[in-house]
Protein backbone atom coordinates (compact mmCIF):
# COMPACT_ATOMS: atom_id res chain seq x y z
CA UNK A 1 0.00 0.00 0.00
CA UNK A 2 2.71 2.46 1.04
CA UNK A 3 4.85 1.43 -1.94
CA UNK A 4 1.94 1.98 -4.32
CA UNK A 5 1.32 5.44 -2.90
CA UNK A 6 5.02 6.29 -3.14
CA UNK A 7 4.99 5.30 -6.79
CA UNK A 8 1.94 7.48 -7.45
CA UNK A 9 3.60 10.41 -5.75
CA UNK A 10 6.81 9.80 -7.71
CA UNK A 11 4.81 9.77 -10.96
CA UNK A 12 3.08 12.98 -9.85
CA UNK A 13 6.42 14.70 -9.23
CA UNK A 14 7.80 13.46 -12.54
CA UNK A 15 4.70 14.64 -14.40
CA UNK A 16 4.74 17.96 -12.59
CA UNK A 17 8.42 18.51 -13.43
CA UNK A 18 7.84 17.57 -17.08
CA UNK A 19 4.89 19.96 -17.26
CA UNK A 20 6.96 22.90 -16.04
CA UNK A 21 9.88 22.08 -18.32
CA UNK A 22 7.56 21.98 -21.34
CA UNK A 23 5.79 25.15 -20.19
CA UNK A 24 9.15 26.90 -19.84
CA UNK A 25 10.23 25.80 -23.32
CA UNK A 26 6.99 26.71 -25.06
CA UNK A 27 5.97 29.74 -22.95
CA UNK A 28 6.49 32.35 -25.68
CA UNK A 29 5.21 30.20 -28.52
CA UNK A 30 1.80 29.69 -30.17
CA UNK A 31 1.45 26.46 -28.17
CA UNK A 32 0.88 28.24 -24.84
CA UNK A 33 -0.43 31.55 -26.21
CA UNK A 34 -4.13 30.51 -26.28
CA UNK A 35 -3.94 29.49 -22.62
CA UNK A 36 -2.39 32.85 -21.74
CA UNK A 37 -5.25 34.65 -23.49
CA UNK A 38 -7.71 32.40 -21.65
CA UNK A 39 -6.20 33.46 -18.32
CA UNK A 40 -6.61 37.11 -19.35
CA UNK A 41 -10.24 36.24 -20.15
CA UNK A 42 -10.66 34.77 -16.63
CA UNK A 43 -8.99 37.86 -15.15
CA UNK A 44 -11.47 40.20 -16.84
CA UNK A 45 -14.60 38.17 -16.09
CA UNK A 46 -13.47 38.06 -12.43
CA UNK A 47 -13.72 41.86 -12.35
CA UNK A 48 -17.19 41.58 -13.83
CA UNK A 49 -18.40 38.91 -11.44
CA UNK A 50 -17.26 40.97 -8.45
CA UNK A 51 -18.94 44.07 -9.86
CA UNK A 52 -22.24 42.17 -10.19
CA UNK A 53 -21.82 40.63 -6.71
CA UNK A 54 -21.48 44.11 -5.19
CA UNK A 55 -24.45 45.63 -6.98
CA UNK A 56 -22.92 46.70 -10.28
CA UNK A 57 -23.00 45.41 -13.82
CA UNK A 58 -20.76 44.44 -16.73
CA UNK A 59 -20.90 46.88 -19.61
CA UNK A 60 -18.39 45.16 -21.87
CA UNK A 61 -15.17 43.13 -21.91
CA UNK A 62 -12.36 43.57 -24.40
CA UNK A 63 -9.33 41.38 -25.18
CA UNK A 64 -6.44 42.17 -27.48
CA UNK A 65 -3.73 40.03 -29.12
CA UNK A 66 -1.00 41.52 -26.89
CA UNK A 67 -2.36 39.66 -23.85
CA UNK A 68 -4.21 42.71 -22.63
CA UNK A 69 -7.82 43.24 -21.74
CA UNK A 70 -10.31 45.36 -19.87
CA UNK A 71 -13.64 44.91 -18.13
CA UNK A 72 -15.83 48.00 -18.11
CA UNK A 73 -18.18 47.88 -15.14
CA UNK A 74 -20.96 50.12 -13.95
CA UNK A 75 -21.43 50.53 -10.21
CA UNK A 76 -20.38 47.99 -7.63
CA UNK A 77 -17.67 48.26 -5.01
CA UNK A 78 -14.59 49.72 -6.74
CA UNK A 79 -12.12 48.33 -4.19
CA UNK A 80 -13.36 44.74 -4.45
CA UNK A 81 -13.87 44.90 -8.21
CA UNK A 82 -10.32 46.13 -8.83
CA UNK A 83 -8.91 43.51 -6.43
CA UNK A 84 -10.73 40.66 -8.17
CA UNK A 85 -8.70 40.51 -11.39
CA UNK A 86 -5.34 38.91 -10.59
CA UNK A 87 -6.70 37.06 -7.55
CA UNK A 88 -9.73 35.96 -9.55
CA UNK A 89 -7.63 34.29 -12.24
CA UNK A 90 -5.74 32.56 -9.43
CA UNK A 91 -9.01 31.30 -7.91
CA UNK A 92 -10.23 30.14 -11.32
CA UNK A 93 -6.97 28.28 -11.82
CA UNK A 94 -7.33 26.54 -8.46
CA UNK A 95 -10.93 25.57 -9.12
CA UNK A 96 -10.16 24.21 -12.60
CA UNK A 97 -7.15 22.29 -11.25
CA UNK A 98 -9.14 20.75 -8.40
CA UNK A 99 -12.08 19.94 -10.69
CA UNK A 100 -9.77 18.15 -13.09
CA UNK A 101 -7.98 16.29 -10.34
CA UNK A 102 -11.15 15.06 -8.63
CA UNK A 103 -13.58 14.63 -11.52
CA UNK A 104 -12.44 11.13 -12.48
CA UNK A 105 -14.62 9.64 -15.20
CA UNK A 106 -16.80 12.75 -15.30
CA UNK A 107 -14.00 15.13 -16.34
CA UNK A 108 -15.62 15.62 -19.75
CA UNK A 109 -18.60 17.23 -18.01
CA UNK A 110 -16.34 19.81 -16.38
CA UNK A 111 -14.67 20.57 -19.71
CA UNK A 112 -18.10 20.89 -21.34
CA UNK A 113 -19.28 23.28 -18.62
CA UNK A 114 -16.12 25.37 -19.01
CA UNK A 115 -16.62 25.51 -22.77
CA UNK A 116 -20.25 26.60 -22.42
CA UNK A 117 -19.24 29.21 -19.84
CA UNK A 118 -16.58 30.61 -22.19
CA UNK A 119 -19.02 30.85 -25.08
CA UNK A 120 -21.75 32.40 -22.94
CA UNK A 121 -19.48 35.09 -21.48
CA UNK A 122 -18.10 35.83 -24.95
CA UNK A 123 -21.51 36.25 -26.56
CA UNK A 124 -22.98 38.23 -23.67
CA UNK A 125 -20.15 40.58 -22.77
CA UNK A 126 -17.10 40.53 -25.06
CA UNK A 127 -17.14 43.43 -27.49
CA UNK A 128 -13.78 43.35 -29.27
CA UNK A 129 -13.20 41.53 -32.53
CA UNK A 130 -10.18 39.58 -31.28
CA UNK A 131 -11.95 38.73 -28.02
CA UNK A 132 -15.06 37.42 -29.76
CA UNK A 133 -12.99 35.34 -32.17
CA UNK A 134 -10.90 33.91 -29.36
CA UNK A 135 -13.86 33.18 -27.08
CA UNK A 136 -15.81 31.36 -29.79
CA UNK A 137 -12.79 29.33 -30.94
CA UNK A 138 -11.56 28.44 -27.44
CA UNK A 139 -15.04 27.62 -26.19
CA UNK A 140 -15.57 25.42 -29.23
CA UNK A 141 -12.18 23.79 -28.65
CA UNK A 142 -13.15 22.89 -25.08
CA UNK A 143 -16.46 21.41 -26.21
CA UNK A 144 -14.69 19.37 -28.88
CA UNK A 145 -12.05 18.11 -26.44
CA UNK A 146 -14.76 17.08 -23.98
CA UNK A 147 -16.09 14.66 -26.58
CA UNK A 148 -12.87 13.53 -28.21
CA UNK A 149 -10.16 12.77 -25.66
CA UNK A 150 -11.83 10.66 -22.96
CA UNK A 151 -11.78 10.98 -19.18
CA UNK A 152 -8.01 10.92 -18.67
CA UNK A 153 -7.40 13.36 -21.51
CA UNK A 154 -9.94 15.78 -20.04
CA UNK A 155 -8.42 15.47 -16.59
CA UNK A 156 -4.98 16.33 -17.97
CA UNK A 157 -6.42 19.23 -19.99
CA UNK A 158 -8.17 20.71 -16.96
CA UNK A 159 -5.17 20.27 -14.68
CA UNK A 160 -2.94 21.88 -17.29
CA UNK A 161 -5.29 24.84 -17.66
CA UNK A 162 -5.56 25.22 -13.90
CA UNK A 163 -1.82 25.06 -13.24
CA UNK A 164 -1.04 27.46 -16.07
CA UNK A 165 -3.65 29.91 -14.82
CA UNK A 166 -2.10 29.91 -11.35
CA UNK A 167 1.41 30.33 -12.74
CA UNK A 168 0.39 33.05 -15.17
CA UNK A 169 -1.33 34.97 -12.38
CA UNK A 170 2.01 35.10 -10.54
CA UNK A 171 3.97 36.12 -13.64
CA UNK A 172 1.35 38.68 -14.64
CA UNK A 173 1.45 40.39 -11.24
CA UNK A 174 5.27 40.48 -11.39
CA UNK A 175 5.32 41.88 -14.92
CA UNK A 176 2.46 44.40 -14.65
CA UNK A 177 2.83 45.56 -11.06
CA UNK A 178 6.30 44.91 -9.65
CA UNK A 179 8.43 45.30 -12.79
CA UNK A 180 6.38 48.15 -14.32
CA UNK A 181 4.48 49.93 -11.53
CA UNK A 182 3.86 52.91 -13.82
CA UNK A 183 1.47 50.91 -16.02
CA UNK A 184 -2.29 51.65 -15.68
CA UNK A 185 -2.90 48.31 -13.95
CA UNK A 186 -5.46 47.23 -11.36
CA UNK A 187 -2.86 47.87 -8.67
CA UNK A 188 -2.19 51.38 -9.99
CA UNK A 189 -5.90 52.20 -9.87
CA UNK A 190 -6.14 50.73 -6.36
CA UNK A 191 -3.21 52.91 -5.32
CA UNK A 192 -5.06 55.97 -6.58
CA UNK A 193 -8.20 54.82 -4.75
CA UNK A 194 -6.60 53.95 -1.41
CA UNK A 195 -3.35 55.89 -1.25
CA UNK A 196 -1.44 52.62 -0.73
CA UNK A 197 1.47 52.39 -3.24
CA UNK A 198 1.16 50.19 -6.32
CA UNK A 199 4.14 48.05 -5.33
CA UNK A 200 2.57 47.20 -1.96
CA UNK A 201 -0.50 45.81 -3.72
CA UNK A 202 1.78 43.86 -6.04
CA UNK A 203 3.74 42.34 -3.16
CA UNK A 204 0.53 41.43 -1.34
CA UNK A 205 -1.06 39.81 -4.39
CA UNK A 206 2.02 37.90 -5.47
CA UNK A 207 2.50 36.59 -1.91
CA UNK A 208 -1.07 35.30 -1.88
CA UNK A 209 -0.64 33.81 -5.38
CA UNK A 210 2.59 31.98 -4.48
CA UNK A 211 1.16 30.63 -1.22
CA UNK A 212 -2.07 29.42 -2.81
CA UNK A 213 -0.26 27.84 -5.78
CA UNK A 214 2.19 26.10 -3.47
CA UNK A 215 -0.66 24.82 -1.28
CA UNK A 216 -2.49 23.43 -4.31
CA UNK A 217 0.60 21.56 -5.53
CA UNK A 218 1.45 20.16 -2.07
CA UNK A 219 -2.15 19.08 -1.59
CA UNK A 220 -2.22 17.33 -4.97
CA UNK A 221 1.07 15.58 -4.13
CA UNK A 222 -0.17 14.35 -0.75
CA UNK A 223 -3.40 13.02 -2.26
CA UNK A 224 -1.73 11.38 -5.27
C-alpha atoms as a PDB file:
ATOM      1  CA  UNK A   1       0.000   0.000   0.000  1.00  0.00           C
ATOM      2  CA  UNK A   2       2.710   2.463   1.038  1.00  0.00           C
ATOM      3  CA  UNK A   3       4.848   1.426  -1.940  1.00  0.00           C
ATOM      4  CA  UNK A   4       1.941   1.975  -4.319  1.00  0.00           C
ATOM      5  CA  UNK A   5       1.319   5.445  -2.901  1.00  0.00           C
ATOM      6  CA  UNK A   6       5.021   6.288  -3.137  1.00  0.00           C
ATOM      7  CA  UNK A   7       4.987   5.299  -6.785  1.00  0.00           C
ATOM      8  CA  UNK A   8       1.940   7.479  -7.455  1.00  0.00           C
ATOM      9  CA  UNK A   9       3.605  10.412  -5.750  1.00  0.00           C
ATOM     10  CA  UNK A  10       6.810   9.799  -7.705  1.00  0.00           C
ATOM     11  CA  UNK A  11       4.807   9.773 -10.958  1.00  0.00           C
ATOM     12  CA  UNK A  12       3.079  12.981  -9.852  1.00  0.00           C
ATOM     13  CA  UNK A  13       6.421  14.703  -9.229  1.00  0.00           C
ATOM     14  CA  UNK A  14       7.805  13.464 -12.543  1.00  0.00           C
ATOM     15  CA  UNK A  15       4.698  14.635 -14.404  1.00  0.00           C
ATOM     16  CA  UNK A  16       4.738  17.962 -12.591  1.00  0.00           C
ATOM     17  CA  UNK A  17       8.419  18.509 -13.435  1.00  0.00           C
ATOM     18  CA  UNK A  18       7.835  17.573 -17.082  1.00  0.00           C
ATOM     19  CA  UNK A  19       4.891  19.960 -17.260  1.00  0.00           C
ATOM     20  CA  UNK A  20       6.959  22.899 -16.039  1.00  0.00           C
ATOM     21  CA  UNK A  21       9.876  22.076 -18.323  1.00  0.00           C
ATOM     22  CA  UNK A  22       7.560  21.982 -21.340  1.00  0.00           C
ATOM     23  CA  UNK A  23       5.793  25.148 -20.188  1.00  0.00           C
ATOM     24  CA  UNK A  24       9.148  26.904 -19.842  1.00  0.00           C
ATOM     25  CA  UNK A  25      10.232  25.799 -23.316  1.00  0.00           C
ATOM     26  CA  UNK A  26       6.988  26.709 -25.063  1.00  0.00           C
ATOM     27  CA  UNK A  27       5.970  29.739 -22.951  1.00  0.00           C
ATOM     28  CA  UNK A  28       6.493  32.348 -25.679  1.00  0.00           C
ATOM     29  CA  UNK A  29       5.207  30.200 -28.519  1.00  0.00           C
ATOM     30  CA  UNK A  30       1.804  29.691 -30.171  1.00  0.00           C
ATOM     31  CA  UNK A  31       1.445  26.456 -28.166  1.00  0.00           C
ATOM     32  CA  UNK A  32       0.883  28.241 -24.839  1.00  0.00           C
ATOM     33  CA  UNK A  33      -0.430  31.554 -26.208  1.00  0.00           C
ATOM     34  CA  UNK A  34      -4.134  30.505 -26.277  1.00  0.00           C
ATOM     35  CA  UNK A  35      -3.941  29.486 -22.624  1.00  0.00           C
ATOM     36  CA  UNK A  36      -2.390  32.849 -21.745  1.00  0.00           C
ATOM     37  CA  UNK A  37      -5.248  34.647 -23.494  1.00  0.00           C
ATOM     38  CA  UNK A  38      -7.712  32.405 -21.648  1.00  0.00           C
ATOM     39  CA  UNK A  39      -6.198  33.459 -18.319  1.00  0.00           C
ATOM     40  CA  UNK A  40      -6.612  37.111 -19.347  1.00  0.00           C
ATOM     41  CA  UNK A  41     -10.242  36.236 -20.149  1.00  0.00           C
ATOM     42  CA  UNK A  42     -10.655  34.774 -16.631  1.00  0.00           C
ATOM     43  CA  UNK A  43      -8.993  37.863 -15.154  1.00  0.00           C
ATOM     44  CA  UNK A  44     -11.467  40.199 -16.842  1.00  0.00           C
ATOM     45  CA  UNK A  45     -14.596  38.171 -16.086  1.00  0.00           C
ATOM     46  CA  UNK A  46     -13.470  38.058 -12.435  1.00  0.00           C
ATOM     47  CA  UNK A  47     -13.716  41.857 -12.350  1.00  0.00           C
ATOM     48  CA  UNK A  48     -17.186  41.583 -13.827  1.00  0.00           C
ATOM     49  CA  UNK A  49     -18.403  38.909 -11.440  1.00  0.00           C
ATOM     50  CA  UNK A  50     -17.264  40.969  -8.449  1.00  0.00           C
ATOM     51  CA  UNK A  51     -18.945  44.067  -9.864  1.00  0.00           C
ATOM     52  CA  UNK A  52     -22.235  42.170 -10.193  1.00  0.00           C
ATOM     53  CA  UNK A  53     -21.824  40.629  -6.715  1.00  0.00           C
ATOM     54  CA  UNK A  54     -21.480  44.109  -5.192  1.00  0.00           C
ATOM     55  CA  UNK A  55     -24.450  45.628  -6.978  1.00  0.00           C
ATOM     56  CA  UNK A  56     -22.915  46.697 -10.277  1.00  0.00           C
ATOM     57  CA  UNK A  57     -23.002  45.412 -13.824  1.00  0.00           C
ATOM     58  CA  UNK A  58     -20.764  44.442 -16.729  1.00  0.00           C
ATOM     59  CA  UNK A  59     -20.896  46.884 -19.606  1.00  0.00           C
ATOM     60  CA  UNK A  60     -18.391  45.160 -21.872  1.00  0.00           C
ATOM     61  CA  UNK A  61     -15.174  43.127 -21.910  1.00  0.00           C
ATOM     62  CA  UNK A  62     -12.356  43.569 -24.399  1.00  0.00           C
ATOM     63  CA  UNK A  63      -9.327  41.384 -25.177  1.00  0.00           C
ATOM     64  CA  UNK A  64      -6.435  42.170 -27.482  1.00  0.00           C
ATOM     65  CA  UNK A  65      -3.727  40.028 -29.124  1.00  0.00           C
ATOM     66  CA  UNK A  66      -1.004  41.524 -26.893  1.00  0.00           C
ATOM     67  CA  UNK A  67      -2.361  39.660 -23.850  1.00  0.00           C
ATOM     68  CA  UNK A  68      -4.212  42.715 -22.630  1.00  0.00           C
ATOM     69  CA  UNK A  69      -7.822  43.239 -21.737  1.00  0.00           C
ATOM     70  CA  UNK A  70     -10.309  45.363 -19.868  1.00  0.00           C
ATOM     71  CA  UNK A  71     -13.638  44.909 -18.131  1.00  0.00           C
ATOM     72  CA  UNK A  72     -15.828  48.002 -18.108  1.00  0.00           C
ATOM     73  CA  UNK A  73     -18.181  47.878 -15.137  1.00  0.00           C
ATOM     74  CA  UNK A  74     -20.961  50.116 -13.953  1.00  0.00           C
ATOM     75  CA  UNK A  75     -21.432  50.531 -10.215  1.00  0.00           C
ATOM     76  CA  UNK A  76     -20.381  47.991  -7.627  1.00  0.00           C
ATOM     77  CA  UNK A  77     -17.665  48.262  -5.008  1.00  0.00           C
ATOM     78  CA  UNK A  78     -14.594  49.719  -6.739  1.00  0.00           C
ATOM     79  CA  UNK A  79     -12.117  48.328  -4.192  1.00  0.00           C
ATOM     80  CA  UNK A  80     -13.357  44.742  -4.446  1.00  0.00           C
ATOM     81  CA  UNK A  81     -13.872  44.897  -8.210  1.00  0.00           C
ATOM     82  CA  UNK A  82     -10.316  46.127  -8.828  1.00  0.00           C
ATOM     83  CA  UNK A  83      -8.912  43.507  -6.432  1.00  0.00           C
ATOM     84  CA  UNK A  84     -10.733  40.661  -8.174  1.00  0.00           C
ATOM     85  CA  UNK A  85      -8.699  40.509 -11.395  1.00  0.00           C
ATOM     86  CA  UNK A  86      -5.344  38.906 -10.585  1.00  0.00           C
ATOM     87  CA  UNK A  87      -6.697  37.063  -7.551  1.00  0.00           C
ATOM     88  CA  UNK A  88      -9.732  35.965  -9.555  1.00  0.00           C
ATOM     89  CA  UNK A  89      -7.630  34.290 -12.236  1.00  0.00           C
ATOM     90  CA  UNK A  90      -5.736  32.559  -9.427  1.00  0.00           C
ATOM     91  CA  UNK A  91      -9.013  31.300  -7.907  1.00  0.00           C
ATOM     92  CA  UNK A  92     -10.231  30.144 -11.320  1.00  0.00           C
ATOM     93  CA  UNK A  93      -6.965  28.278 -11.816  1.00  0.00           C
ATOM     94  CA  UNK A  94      -7.326  26.536  -8.459  1.00  0.00           C
ATOM     95  CA  UNK A  95     -10.933  25.569  -9.125  1.00  0.00           C
ATOM     96  CA  UNK A  96     -10.157  24.205 -12.596  1.00  0.00           C
ATOM     97  CA  UNK A  97      -7.151  22.286 -11.254  1.00  0.00           C
ATOM     98  CA  UNK A  98      -9.142  20.754  -8.405  1.00  0.00           C
ATOM     99  CA  UNK A  99     -12.075  19.942 -10.690  1.00  0.00           C
ATOM    100  CA  UNK A 100      -9.766  18.154 -13.094  1.00  0.00           C
ATOM    101  CA  UNK A 101      -7.985  16.293 -10.344  1.00  0.00           C
ATOM    102  CA  UNK A 102     -11.147  15.060  -8.627  1.00  0.00           C
ATOM    103  CA  UNK A 103     -13.577  14.633 -11.516  1.00  0.00           C
ATOM    104  CA  UNK A 104     -12.441  11.129 -12.478  1.00  0.00           C
ATOM    105  CA  UNK A 105     -14.616   9.635 -15.198  1.00  0.00           C
ATOM    106  CA  UNK A 106     -16.797  12.755 -15.296  1.00  0.00           C
ATOM    107  CA  UNK A 107     -14.002  15.126 -16.344  1.00  0.00           C
ATOM    108  CA  UNK A 108     -15.616  15.622 -19.747  1.00  0.00           C
ATOM    109  CA  UNK A 109     -18.602  17.225 -18.006  1.00  0.00           C
ATOM    110  CA  UNK A 110     -16.339  19.807 -16.377  1.00  0.00           C
ATOM    111  CA  UNK A 111     -14.666  20.575 -19.708  1.00  0.00           C
ATOM    112  CA  UNK A 112     -18.097  20.889 -21.336  1.00  0.00           C
ATOM    113  CA  UNK A 113     -19.275  23.281 -18.624  1.00  0.00           C
ATOM    114  CA  UNK A 114     -16.116  25.369 -19.010  1.00  0.00           C
ATOM    115  CA  UNK A 115     -16.621  25.510 -22.772  1.00  0.00           C
ATOM    116  CA  UNK A 116     -20.247  26.604 -22.418  1.00  0.00           C
ATOM    117  CA  UNK A 117     -19.239  29.213 -19.845  1.00  0.00           C
ATOM    118  CA  UNK A 118     -16.578  30.606 -22.190  1.00  0.00           C
ATOM    119  CA  UNK A 119     -19.016  30.848 -25.084  1.00  0.00           C
ATOM    120  CA  UNK A 120     -21.753  32.401 -22.940  1.00  0.00           C
ATOM    121  CA  UNK A 121     -19.484  35.094 -21.481  1.00  0.00           C
ATOM    122  CA  UNK A 122     -18.101  35.834 -24.953  1.00  0.00           C
ATOM    123  CA  UNK A 123     -21.506  36.252 -26.559  1.00  0.00           C
ATOM    124  CA  UNK A 124     -22.978  38.233 -23.673  1.00  0.00           C
ATOM    125  CA  UNK A 125     -20.147  40.584 -22.767  1.00  0.00           C
ATOM    126  CA  UNK A 126     -17.102  40.530 -25.064  1.00  0.00           C
ATOM    127  CA  UNK A 127     -17.139  43.430 -27.494  1.00  0.00           C
ATOM    128  CA  UNK A 128     -13.778  43.354 -29.266  1.00  0.00           C
ATOM    129  CA  UNK A 129     -13.199  41.530 -32.533  1.00  0.00           C
ATOM    130  CA  UNK A 130     -10.184  39.579 -31.279  1.00  0.00           C
ATOM    131  CA  UNK A 131     -11.952  38.730 -28.016  1.00  0.00           C
ATOM    132  CA  UNK A 132     -15.062  37.415 -29.760  1.00  0.00           C
ATOM    133  CA  UNK A 133     -12.995  35.336 -32.172  1.00  0.00           C
ATOM    134  CA  UNK A 134     -10.895  33.906 -29.357  1.00  0.00           C
ATOM    135  CA  UNK A 135     -13.860  33.176 -27.080  1.00  0.00           C
ATOM    136  CA  UNK A 136     -15.807  31.357 -29.795  1.00  0.00           C
ATOM    137  CA  UNK A 137     -12.790  29.327 -30.939  1.00  0.00           C
ATOM    138  CA  UNK A 138     -11.558  28.444 -27.444  1.00  0.00           C
ATOM    139  CA  UNK A 139     -15.043  27.622 -26.189  1.00  0.00           C
ATOM    140  CA  UNK A 140     -15.569  25.421 -29.232  1.00  0.00           C
ATOM    141  CA  UNK A 141     -12.182  23.790 -28.653  1.00  0.00           C
ATOM    142  CA  UNK A 142     -13.148  22.893 -25.081  1.00  0.00           C
ATOM    143  CA  UNK A 143     -16.455  21.407 -26.215  1.00  0.00           C
ATOM    144  CA  UNK A 144     -14.688  19.368 -28.884  1.00  0.00           C
ATOM    145  CA  UNK A 145     -12.052  18.105 -26.442  1.00  0.00           C
ATOM    146  CA  UNK A 146     -14.761  17.082 -23.980  1.00  0.00           C
ATOM    147  CA  UNK A 147     -16.095  14.663 -26.583  1.00  0.00           C
ATOM    148  CA  UNK A 148     -12.873  13.531 -28.206  1.00  0.00           C
ATOM    149  CA  UNK A 149     -10.159  12.767 -25.658  1.00  0.00           C
ATOM    150  CA  UNK A 150     -11.825  10.662 -22.957  1.00  0.00           C
ATOM    151  CA  UNK A 151     -11.778  10.982 -19.176  1.00  0.00           C
ATOM    152  CA  UNK A 152      -8.006  10.922 -18.674  1.00  0.00           C
ATOM    153  CA  UNK A 153      -7.398  13.359 -21.508  1.00  0.00           C
ATOM    154  CA  UNK A 154      -9.939  15.779 -20.040  1.00  0.00           C
ATOM    155  CA  UNK A 155      -8.424  15.473 -16.588  1.00  0.00           C
ATOM    156  CA  UNK A 156      -4.980  16.335 -17.968  1.00  0.00           C
ATOM    157  CA  UNK A 157      -6.417  19.227 -19.990  1.00  0.00           C
ATOM    158  CA  UNK A 158      -8.172  20.709 -16.958  1.00  0.00           C
ATOM    159  CA  UNK A 159      -5.172  20.265 -14.682  1.00  0.00           C
ATOM    160  CA  UNK A 160      -2.936  21.883 -17.289  1.00  0.00           C
ATOM    161  CA  UNK A 161      -5.293  24.842 -17.662  1.00  0.00           C
ATOM    162  CA  UNK A 162      -5.559  25.216 -13.898  1.00  0.00           C
ATOM    163  CA  UNK A 163      -1.824  25.059 -13.240  1.00  0.00           C
ATOM    164  CA  UNK A 164      -1.043  27.458 -16.071  1.00  0.00           C
ATOM    165  CA  UNK A 165      -3.653  29.913 -14.825  1.00  0.00           C
ATOM    166  CA  UNK A 166      -2.100  29.912 -11.351  1.00  0.00           C
ATOM    167  CA  UNK A 167       1.411  30.333 -12.742  1.00  0.00           C
ATOM    168  CA  UNK A 168       0.394  33.054 -15.168  1.00  0.00           C
ATOM    169  CA  UNK A 169      -1.333  34.971 -12.376  1.00  0.00           C
ATOM    170  CA  UNK A 170       2.011  35.095 -10.538  1.00  0.00           C
ATOM    171  CA  UNK A 171       3.972  36.118 -13.639  1.00  0.00           C
ATOM    172  CA  UNK A 172       1.345  38.676 -14.642  1.00  0.00           C
ATOM    173  CA  UNK A 173       1.455  40.386 -11.244  1.00  0.00           C
ATOM    174  CA  UNK A 174       5.266  40.477 -11.390  1.00  0.00           C
ATOM    175  CA  UNK A 175       5.318  41.885 -14.923  1.00  0.00           C
ATOM    176  CA  UNK A 176       2.465  44.403 -14.654  1.00  0.00           C
ATOM    177  CA  UNK A 177       2.834  45.560 -11.064  1.00  0.00           C
ATOM    178  CA  UNK A 178       6.303  44.906  -9.647  1.00  0.00           C
ATOM    179  CA  UNK A 179       8.425  45.304 -12.787  1.00  0.00           C
ATOM    180  CA  UNK A 180       6.381  48.151 -14.316  1.00  0.00           C
ATOM    181  CA  UNK A 181       4.483  49.929 -11.527  1.00  0.00           C
ATOM    182  CA  UNK A 182       3.860  52.913 -13.816  1.00  0.00           C
ATOM    183  CA  UNK A 183       1.472  50.915 -16.020  1.00  0.00           C
ATOM    184  CA  UNK A 184      -2.288  51.654 -15.679  1.00  0.00           C
ATOM    185  CA  UNK A 185      -2.897  48.306 -13.952  1.00  0.00           C
ATOM    186  CA  UNK A 186      -5.463  47.228 -11.363  1.00  0.00           C
ATOM    187  CA  UNK A 187      -2.856  47.874  -8.667  1.00  0.00           C
ATOM    188  CA  UNK A 188      -2.192  51.380  -9.991  1.00  0.00           C
ATOM    189  CA  UNK A 189      -5.900  52.200  -9.867  1.00  0.00           C
ATOM    190  CA  UNK A 190      -6.141  50.731  -6.361  1.00  0.00           C
ATOM    191  CA  UNK A 191      -3.207  52.908  -5.320  1.00  0.00           C
ATOM    192  CA  UNK A 192      -5.061  55.966  -6.582  1.00  0.00           C
ATOM    193  CA  UNK A 193      -8.203  54.822  -4.752  1.00  0.00           C
ATOM    194  CA  UNK A 194      -6.604  53.955  -1.414  1.00  0.00           C
ATOM    195  CA  UNK A 195      -3.347  55.887  -1.245  1.00  0.00           C
ATOM    196  CA  UNK A 196      -1.436  52.616  -0.734  1.00  0.00           C
ATOM    197  CA  UNK A 197       1.469  52.387  -3.242  1.00  0.00           C
ATOM    198  CA  UNK A 198       1.159  50.191  -6.324  1.00  0.00           C
ATOM    199  CA  UNK A 199       4.136  48.051  -5.335  1.00  0.00           C
ATOM    200  CA  UNK A 200       2.568  47.204  -1.965  1.00  0.00           C
ATOM    201  CA  UNK A 201      -0.498  45.807  -3.717  1.00  0.00           C
ATOM    202  CA  UNK A 202       1.777  43.857  -6.039  1.00  0.00           C
ATOM    203  CA  UNK A 203       3.740  42.342  -3.164  1.00  0.00           C
ATOM    204  CA  UNK A 204       0.527  41.431  -1.337  1.00  0.00           C
ATOM    205  CA  UNK A 205      -1.063  39.814  -4.392  1.00  0.00           C
ATOM    206  CA  UNK A 206       2.023  37.899  -5.465  1.00  0.00           C
ATOM    207  CA  UNK A 207       2.504  36.594  -1.910  1.00  0.00           C
ATOM    208  CA  UNK A 208      -1.069  35.303  -1.884  1.00  0.00           C
ATOM    209  CA  UNK A 209      -0.638  33.814  -5.378  1.00  0.00           C
ATOM    210  CA  UNK A 210       2.587  31.975  -4.479  1.00  0.00           C
ATOM    211  CA  UNK A 211       1.160  30.631  -1.218  1.00  0.00           C
ATOM    212  CA  UNK A 212      -2.074  29.418  -2.810  1.00  0.00           C
ATOM    213  CA  UNK A 213      -0.265  27.842  -5.780  1.00  0.00           C
ATOM    214  CA  UNK A 214       2.186  26.104  -3.469  1.00  0.00           C
ATOM    215  CA  UNK A 215      -0.656  24.822  -1.284  1.00  0.00           C
ATOM    216  CA  UNK A 216      -2.488  23.425  -4.310  1.00  0.00           C
ATOM    217  CA  UNK A 217       0.605  21.557  -5.528  1.00  0.00           C
ATOM    218  CA  UNK A 218       1.448  20.161  -2.068  1.00  0.00           C
ATOM    219  CA  UNK A 219      -2.152  19.075  -1.594  1.00  0.00           C
ATOM    220  CA  UNK A 220      -2.218  17.335  -4.968  1.00  0.00           C
ATOM    221  CA  UNK A 221       1.067  15.582  -4.129  1.00  0.00           C
ATOM    222  CA  UNK A 222      -0.171  14.350  -0.751  1.00  0.00           C
ATOM    223  CA  UNK A 223      -3.397  13.018  -2.258  1.00  0.00           C
ATOM    224  CA  UNK A 224      -1.728  11.385  -5.273  1.00  0.00           C
END
